[in-house]
Protein backbone atom coordinates (compact mmCIF):
# COMPACT_ATOMS: atom_id res chain seq x y z
CA MET A 1 -104.94 -187.36 -21.72
CA THR A 2 -105.57 -186.55 -18.12
CA ASP A 3 -102.91 -185.82 -15.60
CA ILE A 4 -103.36 -185.46 -11.90
CA LEU A 5 -100.24 -183.37 -11.40
CA PRO A 6 -99.80 -179.97 -13.03
CA PRO A 7 -96.77 -179.31 -15.23
CA VAL A 8 -93.67 -178.49 -13.20
CA HIS A 9 -90.96 -176.48 -14.93
CA PRO A 10 -87.40 -177.71 -14.29
CA GLY A 11 -86.59 -174.21 -13.08
CA GLU A 12 -88.88 -174.73 -10.10
CA ILE A 13 -86.99 -177.93 -9.20
CA LEU A 14 -83.65 -176.19 -9.68
CA LEU A 15 -84.68 -173.33 -7.43
CA GLU A 16 -86.58 -175.19 -4.70
CA ASP A 17 -84.52 -178.37 -4.45
CA TYR A 18 -81.03 -177.11 -5.24
CA LEU A 19 -80.42 -173.36 -5.11
CA LEU A 20 -82.47 -172.42 -2.04
CA PRO A 21 -81.19 -175.27 0.19
CA LEU A 22 -77.62 -174.40 -0.83
CA ASP A 23 -78.27 -170.66 -0.38
CA MET A 24 -76.84 -170.19 -3.87
CA SER A 25 -77.89 -167.56 -6.36
CA ALA A 26 -78.58 -168.22 -10.02
CA GLY A 27 -75.59 -166.02 -10.84
CA ALA A 28 -73.27 -168.02 -8.59
CA LEU A 29 -74.43 -171.28 -10.18
CA ALA A 30 -74.00 -169.85 -13.67
CA LYS A 31 -70.43 -168.88 -12.84
CA LYS A 32 -69.66 -172.39 -11.57
CA LEU A 33 -71.21 -173.91 -14.71
CA GLY A 34 -69.44 -171.52 -17.08
CA VAL A 35 -72.65 -170.21 -18.63
CA PRO A 36 -74.20 -166.74 -18.86
CA ARG A 37 -75.97 -165.64 -15.68
CA THR A 38 -79.09 -164.88 -17.67
CA ARG A 39 -79.38 -168.52 -18.78
CA ILE A 40 -79.82 -169.80 -15.22
CA GLU A 41 -81.95 -166.81 -14.21
CA ARG A 42 -84.36 -167.47 -17.10
CA ILE A 43 -84.59 -171.18 -16.22
CA VAL A 44 -85.32 -170.36 -12.58
CA LYS A 45 -87.93 -167.78 -13.69
CA GLU A 46 -89.44 -170.54 -15.84
CA THR A 47 -89.11 -168.55 -19.05
CA ALA A 48 -86.43 -170.73 -20.68
CA PRO A 49 -86.01 -174.47 -21.06
CA VAL A 50 -83.19 -176.65 -19.81
CA THR A 51 -81.18 -177.43 -22.93
CA THR A 52 -79.01 -180.51 -23.34
CA ASP A 53 -75.93 -178.33 -22.80
CA THR A 54 -77.33 -177.03 -19.51
CA ALA A 55 -78.51 -180.52 -18.49
CA LEU A 56 -74.99 -181.85 -18.90
CA ARG A 57 -73.55 -179.02 -16.82
CA LEU A 58 -76.18 -179.28 -14.07
CA ALA A 59 -75.67 -183.05 -13.90
CA LYS A 60 -71.92 -182.69 -13.53
CA PHE A 61 -72.22 -180.02 -10.86
CA PHE A 62 -75.01 -181.58 -8.77
CA GLY A 63 -74.05 -185.23 -9.25
CA THR A 64 -77.25 -186.15 -11.06
CA SER A 65 -77.71 -187.54 -14.54
CA PRO A 66 -78.30 -185.32 -17.56
CA GLU A 67 -81.41 -187.42 -18.20
CA PHE A 68 -82.84 -186.20 -14.90
CA TRP A 69 -82.86 -182.63 -16.21
CA THR A 70 -83.92 -183.46 -19.78
CA ASN A 71 -86.73 -185.70 -18.50
CA LEU A 72 -88.01 -182.87 -16.31
CA GLN A 73 -88.01 -180.60 -19.35
CA SER A 74 -89.59 -183.22 -21.60
CA SER A 75 -92.35 -183.96 -19.09
CA TYR A 76 -93.10 -180.25 -18.74
CA ASP A 77 -93.15 -179.72 -22.51
CA LEU A 78 -95.44 -182.71 -23.09
CA LYS A 79 -97.95 -181.57 -20.46
CA ILE A 80 -98.05 -178.03 -21.81
CA GLU A 81 -98.44 -179.18 -25.41
CA ALA A 82 -101.06 -181.82 -24.48
CA ALA A 83 -103.14 -179.11 -22.83
CA HIS A 84 -102.73 -176.88 -25.87
CA LEU A 85 -103.75 -179.66 -28.27
CA ARG A 86 -106.38 -181.27 -26.03
CA GLU A 87 -109.37 -180.79 -28.32
CA GLU A 88 -107.48 -181.76 -31.45
CA LEU A 89 -106.05 -184.89 -29.80
CA GLU A 90 -109.51 -185.93 -28.62
CA ARG A 91 -110.67 -186.06 -32.27
CA ILE A 92 -107.97 -188.57 -33.22
CA GLU A 93 -109.19 -192.16 -33.13
CA ARG A 94 -106.82 -194.87 -31.96
CA TYR A 95 -105.65 -197.29 -34.65
CA LYS A 96 -107.38 -200.67 -34.56
CA ALA A 97 -105.95 -203.59 -36.51
CA ALA A 98 -108.42 -205.31 -38.81
């Protein structure tokens, strides 16, 4: 599995594309979403994932879909895990029908 683009954590998207342009802090967003401040701070610091609960709240607030946020997280997780399992995955032969 080769990827041209490096893994991008959803927290980077949240920070760069949403919070900074709106001049909004993680704490202010957390308050508007009704979640602990630390949840949004950890996502923005890229130390916590976007959960389905958070994806639903971000989607409602920013007018996106929850799938947008969960797909960002899923893509990130797959790229990280693929890199971690690279050698093991290379040893697996693709199934060929007889």
